[in-house]
mmCIF file of all heavy atoms, coordinates in Angstrom:
data_MODEL
# 
_entry.id   MODEL 
# 
loop_
_atom_site.group_PDB 
_atom_site.id 
_atom_site.type_symbol 
_atom_site.label_atom_id 
_atom_site.label_alt_id 
_atom_site.label_comp_id 
_atom_site.label_asym_id 
_atom_site.label_entity_id 
_atom_site.label_seq_id 
_atom_site.pdbx_PDB_ins_code 
_atom_site.Cartn_x 
_atom_site.Cartn_y 
_atom_site.Cartn_z 
_atom_site.occupancy 
_atom_site.B_iso_or_equiv 
_atom_site.pdbx_formal_charge 
_atom_site.auth_seq_id 
_atom_site.auth_comp_id 
_atom_site.auth_asym_id 
_atom_site.auth_atom_id 
_atom_site.pdbx_PDB_model_num 
ATOM 1   N N   . ASP A 1 1  ? -18.819 33.964 17.359 1.00 0.00 ? 1  ASP A N   1 
ATOM 2   C CA  . ASP A 1 1  ? -17.422 33.776 17.154 1.00 0.00 ? 1  ASP A CA  1 
ATOM 3   C C   . ASP A 1 1  ? -16.574 34.675 18.030 1.00 0.00 ? 1  ASP A C   1 
ATOM 4   O O   . ASP A 1 1  ? -15.445 34.333 18.452 1.00 0.00 ? 1  ASP A O   1 
ATOM 5   C CB  . ASP A 1 1  ? -16.981 34.080 15.669 1.00 0.00 ? 1  ASP A CB  1 
ATOM 6   C CG  . ASP A 1 1  ? -17.582 33.139 14.645 1.00 0.00 ? 1  ASP A CG  1 
ATOM 7   O OD1 . ASP A 1 1  ? -17.967 32.025 15.098 1.00 0.00 ? 1  ASP A OD1 1 
ATOM 8   O OD2 . ASP A 1 1  ? -17.702 33.528 13.495 1.00 0.00 ? 1  ASP A OD2 1 
ATOM 9   N N   . PHE A 1 2  ? -17.202 35.753 18.416 1.00 0.00 ? 2  PHE A N   1 
ATOM 10  C CA  . PHE A 1 2  ? -16.461 36.734 19.322 1.00 0.00 ? 2  PHE A CA  1 
ATOM 11  C C   . PHE A 1 2  ? -17.589 37.645 19.958 1.00 0.00 ? 2  PHE A C   1 
ATOM 12  O O   . PHE A 1 2  ? -18.680 37.733 19.452 1.00 0.00 ? 2  PHE A O   1 
ATOM 13  C CB  . PHE A 1 2  ? -15.520 37.551 18.535 1.00 0.00 ? 2  PHE A CB  1 
ATOM 14  C CG  . PHE A 1 2  ? -15.970 38.090 17.246 1.00 0.00 ? 2  PHE A CG  1 
ATOM 15  C CD1 . PHE A 1 2  ? -16.745 39.268 17.201 1.00 0.00 ? 2  PHE A CD1 1 
ATOM 16  C CD2 . PHE A 1 2  ? -15.731 37.427 16.088 1.00 0.00 ? 2  PHE A CD2 1 
ATOM 17  C CE1 . PHE A 1 2  ? -17.252 39.710 15.998 1.00 0.00 ? 2  PHE A CE1 1 
ATOM 18  C CE2 . PHE A 1 2  ? -16.216 37.886 14.870 1.00 0.00 ? 2  PHE A CE2 1 
ATOM 19  C CZ  . PHE A 1 2  ? -17.021 39.034 14.809 1.00 0.00 ? 2  PHE A CZ  1 
ATOM 20  N N   . PHE A 1 3  ? -17.232 38.249 21.089 1.00 0.00 ? 3  PHE A N   1 
ATOM 21  C CA  . PHE A 1 3  ? -18.185 39.149 21.754 1.00 0.00 ? 3  PHE A CA  1 
ATOM 22  C C   . PHE A 1 3  ? -17.381 39.994 22.758 1.00 0.00 ? 3  PHE A C   1 
ATOM 23  O O   . PHE A 1 3  ? -16.157 39.824 22.988 1.00 0.00 ? 3  PHE A O   1 
ATOM 24  C CB  . PHE A 1 3  ? -19.263 38.317 22.501 1.00 0.00 ? 3  PHE A CB  1 
ATOM 25  C CG  . PHE A 1 3  ? -18.754 37.386 23.595 1.00 0.00 ? 3  PHE A CG  1 
ATOM 26  C CD1 . PHE A 1 3  ? -18.800 37.800 24.884 1.00 0.00 ? 3  PHE A CD1 1 
ATOM 27  C CD2 . PHE A 1 3  ? -18.231 36.116 23.254 1.00 0.00 ? 3  PHE A CD2 1 
ATOM 28  C CE1 . PHE A 1 3  ? -18.352 36.944 25.909 1.00 0.00 ? 3  PHE A CE1 1 
ATOM 29  C CE2 . PHE A 1 3  ? -17.765 35.335 24.240 1.00 0.00 ? 3  PHE A CE2 1 
ATOM 30  C CZ  . PHE A 1 3  ? -17.840 35.701 25.610 1.00 0.00 ? 3  PHE A CZ  1 
ATOM 31  N N   . GLU A 1 4  ? -18.095 40.921 23.402 1.00 0.00 ? 4  GLU A N   1 
ATOM 32  C CA  . GLU A 1 4  ? -17.484 41.763 24.420 1.00 0.00 ? 4  GLU A CA  1 
ATOM 33  C C   . GLU A 1 4  ? -18.210 41.470 25.744 1.00 0.00 ? 4  GLU A C   1 
ATOM 34  O O   . GLU A 1 4  ? -19.389 41.133 25.762 1.00 0.00 ? 4  GLU A O   1 
ATOM 35  C CB  . GLU A 1 4  ? -17.576 43.240 24.103 1.00 0.00 ? 4  GLU A CB  1 
ATOM 36  C CG  . GLU A 1 4  ? -16.797 43.627 22.889 1.00 0.00 ? 4  GLU A CG  1 
ATOM 37  C CD  . GLU A 1 4  ? -16.849 45.107 22.622 1.00 0.00 ? 4  GLU A CD  1 
ATOM 38  O OE1 . GLU A 1 4  ? -17.234 45.873 23.511 1.00 0.00 ? 4  GLU A OE1 1 
ATOM 39  O OE2 . GLU A 1 4  ? -16.533 45.571 21.449 1.00 0.00 ? 4  GLU A OE2 1 
ATOM 40  N N   . LEU A 1 5  ? -17.483 41.494 26.865 1.00 0.00 ? 5  LEU A N   1 
ATOM 41  C CA  . LEU A 1 5  ? -18.067 41.236 28.215 1.00 0.00 ? 5  LEU A CA  1 
ATOM 42  C C   . LEU A 1 5  ? -17.414 42.113 29.185 1.00 0.00 ? 5  LEU A C   1 
ATOM 43  O O   . LEU A 1 5  ? -16.229 41.946 29.579 1.00 0.00 ? 5  LEU A O   1 
ATOM 44  C CB  . LEU A 1 5  ? -17.860 39.728 28.584 1.00 0.00 ? 5  LEU A CB  1 
ATOM 45  C CG  . LEU A 1 5  ? -18.301 39.342 29.979 1.00 0.00 ? 5  LEU A CG  1 
ATOM 46  C CD1 . LEU A 1 5  ? -19.811 39.500 30.120 1.00 0.00 ? 5  LEU A CD1 1 
ATOM 47  C CD2 . LEU A 1 5  ? -17.860 37.943 30.344 1.00 0.00 ? 5  LEU A CD2 1 
ATOM 48  N N   . LYS A 1 6  ? -18.231 43.068 29.699 1.00 0.00 ? 6  LYS A N   1 
ATOM 49  C CA  . LYS A 1 6  ? -17.740 43.936 30.830 1.00 0.00 ? 6  LYS A CA  1 
ATOM 50  C C   . LYS A 1 6  ? -18.298 43.445 32.094 1.00 0.00 ? 6  LYS A C   1 
ATOM 51  O O   . LYS A 1 6  ? -19.294 43.938 32.621 1.00 0.00 ? 6  LYS A O   1 
ATOM 52  C CB  . LYS A 1 6  ? -18.127 45.386 30.507 1.00 0.00 ? 6  LYS A CB  1 
ATOM 53  C CG  . LYS A 1 6  ? -17.484 45.965 29.184 1.00 0.00 ? 6  LYS A CG  1 
ATOM 54  C CD  . LYS A 1 6  ? -17.942 47.381 28.915 1.00 0.00 ? 6  LYS A CD  1 
ATOM 55  C CE  . LYS A 1 6  ? -17.269 47.824 27.646 1.00 0.00 ? 6  LYS A CE  1 
ATOM 56  N NZ  . LYS A 1 6  ? -17.675 49.217 27.307 1.00 0.00 ? 6  LYS A NZ  1 
ATOM 57  N N   . ASN A 1 7  ? -17.588 42.432 32.603 1.00 0.00 ? 7  ASN A N   1 
ATOM 58  C CA  . ASN A 1 7  ? -18.050 41.751 33.797 1.00 0.00 ? 7  ASN A CA  1 
ATOM 59  C C   . ASN A 1 7  ? -17.406 42.336 35.054 1.00 0.00 ? 7  ASN A C   1 
ATOM 60  O O   . ASN A 1 7  ? -16.175 42.194 35.296 1.00 0.00 ? 7  ASN A O   1 
ATOM 61  C CB  . ASN A 1 7  ? -17.657 40.284 33.679 1.00 0.00 ? 7  ASN A CB  1 
ATOM 62  C CG  . ASN A 1 7  ? -18.406 39.419 34.735 1.00 0.00 ? 7  ASN A CG  1 
ATOM 63  O OD1 . ASN A 1 7  ? -19.524 39.675 35.054 1.00 0.00 ? 7  ASN A OD1 1 
ATOM 64  N ND2 . ASN A 1 7  ? -17.777 38.358 35.259 1.00 0.00 ? 7  ASN A ND2 1 
ATOM 65  N N   . GLY A 1 8  ? -18.192 43.016 35.860 1.00 0.00 ? 8  GLY A N   1 
ATOM 66  C CA  . GLY A 1 8  ? -17.715 43.658 37.040 1.00 0.00 ? 8  GLY A CA  1 
ATOM 67  C C   . GLY A 1 8  ? -17.197 45.083 36.709 1.00 0.00 ? 8  GLY A C   1 
ATOM 68  O O   . GLY A 1 8  ? -17.664 45.740 35.767 1.00 0.00 ? 8  GLY A O   1 
ATOM 69  N N   . GLU A 1 9  ? -16.238 45.551 37.514 1.00 0.00 ? 9  GLU A N   1 
ATOM 70  C CA  . GLU A 1 9  ? -15.677 46.938 37.357 1.00 0.00 ? 9  GLU A CA  1 
ATOM 71  C C   . GLU A 1 9  ? -14.227 46.851 36.987 1.00 0.00 ? 9  GLU A C   1 
ATOM 72  O O   . GLU A 1 9  ? -13.570 45.878 37.416 1.00 0.00 ? 9  GLU A O   1 
ATOM 73  C CB  . GLU A 1 9  ? -15.922 47.713 38.619 1.00 0.00 ? 9  GLU A CB  1 
ATOM 74  C CG  . GLU A 1 9  ? -17.332 47.836 39.101 1.00 0.00 ? 9  GLU A CG  1 
ATOM 75  C CD  . GLU A 1 9  ? -18.154 48.641 38.153 1.00 0.00 ? 9  GLU A CD  1 
ATOM 76  O OE1 . GLU A 1 9  ? -17.591 49.564 37.447 1.00 0.00 ? 9  GLU A OE1 1 
ATOM 77  O OE2 . GLU A 1 9  ? -19.417 48.462 38.057 1.00 0.00 ? 9  GLU A OE2 1 
ATOM 78  N N   . LYS A 1 10 ? -13.737 47.846 36.340 1.00 0.00 ? 10 LYS A N   1 
ATOM 79  C CA  . LYS A 1 10 ? -12.283 47.933 36.112 1.00 0.00 ? 10 LYS A CA  1 
ATOM 80  C C   . LYS A 1 10 ? -11.598 48.083 37.427 1.00 0.00 ? 10 LYS A C   1 
ATOM 81  O O   . LYS A 1 10 ? -12.020 48.698 38.378 1.00 0.00 ? 10 LYS A O   1 
ATOM 82  C CB  . LYS A 1 10 ? -11.960 49.237 35.307 1.00 0.00 ? 10 LYS A CB  1 
ATOM 83  C CG  . LYS A 1 10 ? -12.410 49.145 33.852 1.00 0.00 ? 10 LYS A CG  1 
ATOM 84  C CD  . LYS A 1 10 ? -11.424 48.466 32.955 1.00 0.00 ? 10 LYS A CD  1 
ATOM 85  C CE  . LYS A 1 10 ? -11.736 48.675 31.488 1.00 0.00 ? 10 LYS A CE  1 
ATOM 86  N NZ  . LYS A 1 10 ? -10.758 47.935 30.589 1.00 0.00 ? 10 LYS A NZ  1 
ATOM 87  N N   . VAL A 1 11 ? -10.434 47.324 37.598 1.00 0.00 ? 11 VAL A N   1 
ATOM 88  C CA  . VAL A 1 11 ? -9.685  47.365 38.833 1.00 0.00 ? 11 VAL A CA  1 
ATOM 89  C C   . VAL A 1 11 ? -8.518  48.397 38.720 1.00 0.00 ? 11 VAL A C   1 
ATOM 90  O O   . VAL A 1 11 ? -8.181  48.845 37.607 1.00 0.00 ? 11 VAL A O   1 
ATOM 91  C CB  . VAL A 1 11 ? -9.157  45.998 39.204 1.00 0.00 ? 11 VAL A CB  1 
ATOM 92  C CG1 . VAL A 1 11 ? -10.244 44.971 39.290 1.00 0.00 ? 11 VAL A CG1 1 
ATOM 93  C CG2 . VAL A 1 11 ? -8.136  45.532 38.210 1.00 0.00 ? 11 VAL A CG2 1 
ATOM 94  N N   . LYS A 1 12 ? -7.930  48.688 39.871 1.00 0.00 ? 12 LYS A N   1 
ATOM 95  C CA  . LYS A 1 12 ? -6.780  49.601 39.903 1.00 0.00 ? 12 LYS A CA  1 
ATOM 96  C C   . LYS A 1 12 ? -5.591  48.880 39.306 1.00 0.00 ? 12 LYS A C   1 
ATOM 97  O O   . LYS A 1 12 ? -5.208  47.798 39.768 1.00 0.00 ? 12 LYS A O   1 
ATOM 98  C CB  . LYS A 1 12 ? -6.530  50.042 41.332 1.00 0.00 ? 12 LYS A CB  1 
ATOM 99  C CG  . LYS A 1 12 ? -5.354  51.100 41.380 1.00 0.00 ? 12 LYS A CG  1 
ATOM 100 C CD  . LYS A 1 12 ? -5.184  51.517 42.872 1.00 0.00 ? 12 LYS A CD  1 
ATOM 101 C CE  . LYS A 1 12 ? -4.167  52.686 42.932 1.00 0.00 ? 12 LYS A CE  1 
ATOM 102 N NZ  . LYS A 1 12 ? -2.808  52.313 42.442 1.00 0.00 ? 12 LYS A NZ  1 
ATOM 103 N N   . LEU A 1 13 ? -5.002  49.417 38.282 1.00 0.00 ? 13 LEU A N   1 
ATOM 104 C CA  . LEU A 1 13 ? -3.849  48.780 37.611 1.00 0.00 ? 13 LEU A CA  1 
ATOM 105 C C   . LEU A 1 13 ? -2.540  49.193 38.254 1.00 0.00 ? 13 LEU A C   1 
ATOM 106 O O   . LEU A 1 13 ? -2.517  50.179 39.059 1.00 0.00 ? 13 LEU A O   1 
ATOM 107 C CB  . LEU A 1 13 ? -3.879  49.154 36.154 1.00 0.00 ? 13 LEU A CB  1 
ATOM 108 C CG  . LEU A 1 13 ? -5.055  48.652 35.339 1.00 0.00 ? 13 LEU A CG  1 
ATOM 109 C CD1 . LEU A 1 13 ? -5.033  49.130 33.896 1.00 0.00 ? 13 LEU A CD1 1 
ATOM 110 C CD2 . LEU A 1 13 ? -5.187  47.115 35.383 1.00 0.00 ? 13 LEU A CD2 1 
ATOM 111 N N   . PRO A 1 14 ? -1.457  48.506 37.939 1.00 0.00 ? 14 PRO A N   1 
ATOM 112 C CA  . PRO A 1 14 ? -0.187  48.862 38.604 1.00 0.00 ? 14 PRO A CA  1 
ATOM 113 C C   . PRO A 1 14 ? 0.347   50.214 38.241 1.00 0.00 ? 14 PRO A C   1 
ATOM 114 O O   . PRO A 1 14 ? 1.173   50.787 38.957 1.00 0.00 ? 14 PRO A O   1 
ATOM 115 C CB  . PRO A 1 14 ? 0.827   47.739 38.092 1.00 0.00 ? 14 PRO A CB  1 
ATOM 116 C CG  . PRO A 1 14 ? 0.115   47.182 36.847 1.00 0.00 ? 14 PRO A CG  1 
ATOM 117 C CD  . PRO A 1 14 ? -1.341  47.323 37.098 1.00 0.00 ? 14 PRO A CD  1 
ATOM 118 N N   . PHE A 1 15 ? -0.150  50.842 37.123 1.00 0.00 ? 15 PHE A N   1 
ATOM 119 C CA  . PHE A 1 15 ? 0.321   52.101 36.724 1.00 0.00 ? 15 PHE A CA  1 
ATOM 120 C C   . PHE A 1 15 ? -0.862  53.042 36.529 1.00 0.00 ? 15 PHE A C   1 
ATOM 121 O O   . PHE A 1 15 ? -1.964  52.605 36.323 1.00 0.00 ? 15 PHE A O   1 
ATOM 122 C CB  . PHE A 1 15 ? 1.221   52.027 35.449 1.00 0.00 ? 15 PHE A CB  1 
ATOM 123 C CG  . PHE A 1 15 ? 2.388   51.201 35.660 1.00 0.00 ? 15 PHE A CG  1 
ATOM 124 C CD1 . PHE A 1 15 ? 2.415   49.950 35.077 1.00 0.00 ? 15 PHE A CD1 1 
ATOM 125 C CD2 . PHE A 1 15 ? 3.476   51.683 36.341 1.00 0.00 ? 15 PHE A CD2 1 
ATOM 126 C CE1 . PHE A 1 15 ? 3.571   49.158 35.217 1.00 0.00 ? 15 PHE A CE1 1 
ATOM 127 C CE2 . PHE A 1 15 ? 4.606   50.861 36.539 1.00 0.00 ? 15 PHE A CE2 1 
ATOM 128 C CZ  . PHE A 1 15 ? 4.634   49.570 35.992 1.00 0.00 ? 15 PHE A CZ  1 
ATOM 129 N N   . SER A 1 16 ? -0.557  54.348 36.492 1.00 0.00 ? 16 SER A N   1 
ATOM 130 C CA  . SER A 1 16 ? -1.670  55.309 36.312 1.00 0.00 ? 16 SER A CA  1 
ATOM 131 C C   . SER A 1 16 ? -2.113  55.312 34.882 1.00 0.00 ? 16 SER A C   1 
ATOM 132 O O   . SER A 1 16 ? -1.423  54.836 33.965 1.00 0.00 ? 16 SER A O   1 
ATOM 133 C CB  . SER A 1 16 ? -1.116  56.726 36.662 1.00 0.00 ? 16 SER A CB  1 
ATOM 134 O OG  . SER A 1 16 ? -0.088  57.092 35.758 1.00 0.00 ? 16 SER A OG  1 
ATOM 135 N N   . ASN A 1 17 ? -3.293  55.920 34.654 1.00 0.00 ? 17 ASN A N   1 
ATOM 136 C CA  . ASN A 1 17 ? -3.845  55.997 33.282 1.00 0.00 ? 17 ASN A CA  1 
ATOM 137 C C   . ASN A 1 17 ? -2.903  56.900 32.416 1.00 0.00 ? 17 ASN A C   1 
ATOM 138 O O   . ASN A 1 17 ? -2.704  56.590 31.290 1.00 0.00 ? 17 ASN A O   1 
ATOM 139 C CB  . ASN A 1 17 ? -5.192  56.683 33.303 1.00 0.00 ? 17 ASN A CB  1 
ATOM 140 C CG  . ASN A 1 17 ? -6.292  55.719 33.784 1.00 0.00 ? 17 ASN A CG  1 
ATOM 141 O OD1 . ASN A 1 17 ? -6.169  54.489 33.624 1.00 0.00 ? 17 ASN A OD1 1 
ATOM 142 N ND2 . ASN A 1 17 ? -7.370  56.254 34.363 1.00 0.00 ? 17 ASN A ND2 1 
ATOM 143 N N   . LYS A 1 18 ? -2.240  57.900 33.060 1.00 0.00 ? 18 LYS A N   1 
ATOM 144 C CA  . LYS A 1 18 ? -1.343  58.763 32.401 1.00 0.00 ? 18 LYS A CA  1 
ATOM 145 C C   . LYS A 1 18 ? -0.162  57.931 31.791 1.00 0.00 ? 18 LYS A C   1 
ATOM 146 O O   . LYS A 1 18 ? 0.284   58.140 30.701 1.00 0.00 ? 18 LYS A O   1 
ATOM 147 C CB  . LYS A 1 18 ? -0.845  59.916 33.217 1.00 0.00 ? 18 LYS A CB  1 
ATOM 148 C CG  . LYS A 1 18 ? 0.159   60.821 32.550 1.00 0.00 ? 18 LYS A CG  1 
ATOM 149 C CD  . LYS A 1 18 ? 0.633   61.908 33.403 1.00 0.00 ? 18 LYS A CD  1 
ATOM 150 C CE  . LYS A 1 18 ? 1.604   62.832 32.730 1.00 0.00 ? 18 LYS A CE  1 
ATOM 151 N NZ  . LYS A 1 18 ? 2.796   62.113 32.190 1.00 0.00 ? 18 LYS A NZ  1 
ATOM 152 N N   . GLU A 1 19 ? 0.315   57.047 32.679 1.00 0.00 ? 19 GLU A N   1 
ATOM 153 C CA  . GLU A 1 19 ? 1.465   56.148 32.259 1.00 0.00 ? 19 GLU A CA  1 
ATOM 154 C C   . GLU A 1 19 ? 1.074   55.391 31.051 1.00 0.00 ? 19 GLU A C   1 
ATOM 155 O O   . GLU A 1 19 ? 1.867   55.254 30.070 1.00 0.00 ? 19 GLU A O   1 
ATOM 156 C CB  . GLU A 1 19 ? 1.842   55.218 33.413 1.00 0.00 ? 19 GLU A CB  1 
ATOM 157 C CG  . GLU A 1 19 ? 2.881   54.170 33.068 1.00 0.00 ? 19 GLU A CG  1 
ATOM 158 C CD  . GLU A 1 19 ? 4.307   54.674 33.117 1.00 0.00 ? 19 GLU A CD  1 
ATOM 159 O OE1 . GLU A 1 19 ? 4.559   55.843 33.546 1.00 0.00 ? 19 GLU A OE1 1 
ATOM 160 O OE2 . GLU A 1 19 ? 5.188   53.933 32.636 1.00 0.00 ? 19 GLU A OE2 1 
ATOM 161 N N   . TYR A 1 20 ? -0.084  54.722 31.023 1.00 0.00 ? 20 TYR A N   1 
ATOM 162 C CA  . TYR A 1 20 ? -0.472  53.898 29.880 1.00 0.00 ? 20 TYR A CA  1 
ATOM 163 C C   . TYR A 1 20 ? -0.695  54.757 28.654 1.00 0.00 ? 20 TYR A C   1 
ATOM 164 O O   . TYR A 1 20 ? -0.310  54.387 27.523 1.00 0.00 ? 20 TYR A O   1 
ATOM 165 C CB  . TYR A 1 20 ? -1.710  53.083 30.217 1.00 0.00 ? 20 TYR A CB  1 
ATOM 166 C CG  . TYR A 1 20 ? -1.453  51.980 31.156 1.00 0.00 ? 20 TYR A CG  1 
ATOM 167 C CD1 . TYR A 1 20 ? -1.997  51.935 32.475 1.00 0.00 ? 20 TYR A CD1 1 
ATOM 168 C CD2 . TYR A 1 20 ? -0.719  50.870 30.782 1.00 0.00 ? 20 TYR A CD2 1 
ATOM 169 C CE1 . TYR A 1 20 ? -1.743  50.957 33.367 1.00 0.00 ? 20 TYR A CE1 1 
ATOM 170 C CE2 . TYR A 1 20 ? -0.424  49.829 31.659 1.00 0.00 ? 20 TYR A CE2 1 
ATOM 171 C CZ  . TYR A 1 20 ? -0.940  49.866 32.982 1.00 0.00 ? 20 TYR A CZ  1 
ATOM 172 O OH  . TYR A 1 20 ? -0.677  48.814 33.841 1.00 0.00 ? 20 TYR A OH  1 
ATOM 173 N N   . LYS A 1 21 ? -1.252  55.960 28.819 1.00 0.00 ? 21 LYS A N   1 
ATOM 174 C CA  . LYS A 1 21 ? -1.463  56.876 27.718 1.00 0.00 ? 21 LYS A CA  1 
ATOM 175 C C   . LYS A 1 21 ? -0.150  57.238 27.084 1.00 0.00 ? 21 LYS A C   1 
ATOM 176 O O   . LYS A 1 21 ? 0.040   57.348 25.885 1.00 0.00 ? 21 LYS A O   1 
ATOM 177 C CB  . LYS A 1 21 ? -2.261  58.069 28.110 1.00 0.00 ? 21 LYS A CB  1 
ATOM 178 C CG  . LYS A 1 21 ? -3.750  57.743 28.413 1.00 0.00 ? 21 LYS A CG  1 
ATOM 179 C CD  . LYS A 1 21 ? -4.473  59.011 28.881 1.00 0.00 ? 21 LYS A CD  1 
ATOM 180 C CE  . LYS A 1 21 ? -5.966  58.653 29.136 1.00 0.00 ? 21 LYS A CE  1 
ATOM 181 N NZ  . LYS A 1 21 ? -6.739  59.820 29.700 1.00 0.00 ? 21 LYS A NZ  1 
ATOM 182 N N   . ASP A 1 22 ? 0.818   57.545 27.978 1.00 0.00 ? 22 ASP A N   1 
ATOM 183 C CA  . ASP A 1 22 ? 2.155   57.922 27.477 1.00 0.00 ? 22 ASP A CA  1 
ATOM 184 C C   . ASP A 1 22 ? 2.817   56.845 26.632 1.00 0.00 ? 22 ASP A C   1 
ATOM 185 O O   . ASP A 1 22 ? 3.376   57.056 25.573 1.00 0.00 ? 22 ASP A O   1 
ATOM 186 C CB  . ASP A 1 22 ? 3.124   58.273 28.633 1.00 0.00 ? 22 ASP A CB  1 
ATOM 187 C CG  . ASP A 1 22 ? 2.808   59.584 29.301 1.00 0.00 ? 22 ASP A CG  1 
ATOM 188 O OD1 . ASP A 1 22 ? 2.015   60.403 28.672 1.00 0.00 ? 22 ASP A OD1 1 
ATOM 189 O OD2 . ASP A 1 22 ? 3.257   59.874 30.401 1.00 0.00 ? 22 ASP A OD2 1 
ATOM 190 N N   . ARG A 1 23 ? 2.640   55.602 27.103 1.00 0.00 ? 23 ARG A N   1 
ATOM 191 C CA  . ARG A 1 23 ? 3.174   54.445 26.351 1.00 0.00 ? 23 ARG A CA  1 
ATOM 192 C C   . ARG A 1 23 ? 2.518   54.313 24.980 1.00 0.00 ? 23 ARG A C   1 
ATOM 193 O O   . ARG A 1 23 ? 3.196   54.095 23.959 1.00 0.00 ? 23 ARG A O   1 
ATOM 194 C CB  . ARG A 1 23 ? 3.003   53.170 27.188 1.00 0.00 ? 23 ARG A CB  1 
ATOM 195 C CG  . ARG A 1 23 ? 3.794   53.143 28.504 1.00 0.00 ? 23 ARG A CG  1 
ATOM 196 C CD  . ARG A 1 23 ? 3.523   51.854 29.249 1.00 0.00 ? 23 ARG A CD  1 
ATOM 197 N NE  . ARG A 1 23 ? 4.196   51.838 30.523 1.00 0.00 ? 23 ARG A NE  1 
ATOM 198 C CZ  . ARG A 1 23 ? 4.222   50.860 31.416 1.00 0.00 ? 23 ARG A CZ  1 
ATOM 199 N NH1 . ARG A 1 23 ? 3.591   49.710 31.075 1.00 0.00 ? 23 ARG A NH1 1 
ATOM 200 N NH2 . ARG A 1 23 ? 4.880   50.947 32.540 1.00 0.00 ? 23 ARG A NH2 1 
ATOM 201 N N   . ILE A 1 24 ? 1.199   54.421 24.974 1.00 0.00 ? 24 ILE A N   1 
ATOM 202 C CA  . ILE A 1 24 ? 0.450   54.330 23.706 1.00 0.00 ? 24 ILE A CA  1 
ATOM 203 C C   . ILE A 1 24 ? 0.803   55.435 22.782 1.00 0.00 ? 24 ILE A C   1 
ATOM 204 O O   . ILE A 1 24 ? 0.994   55.252 21.542 1.00 0.00 ? 24 ILE A O   1 
ATOM 205 C CB  . ILE A 1 24 ? -1.071  54.316 23.963 1.00 0.00 ? 24 ILE A CB  1 
ATOM 206 C CG1 . ILE A 1 24 ? -1.483  53.060 24.747 1.00 0.00 ? 24 ILE A CG1 1 
ATOM 207 C CG2 . ILE A 1 24 ? -1.814  54.356 22.660 1.00 0.00 ? 24 ILE A CG2 1 
ATOM 208 C CD1 . ILE A 1 24 ? -1.172  51.766 24.021 1.00 0.00 ? 24 ILE A CD1 1 
# 
């Protein structure tokens, strides 16, 4: 019904990890 798939590598996102952490 559901699963996880880590296909490939994480790509560079438009914002820094710090930016996303601040938002969260």
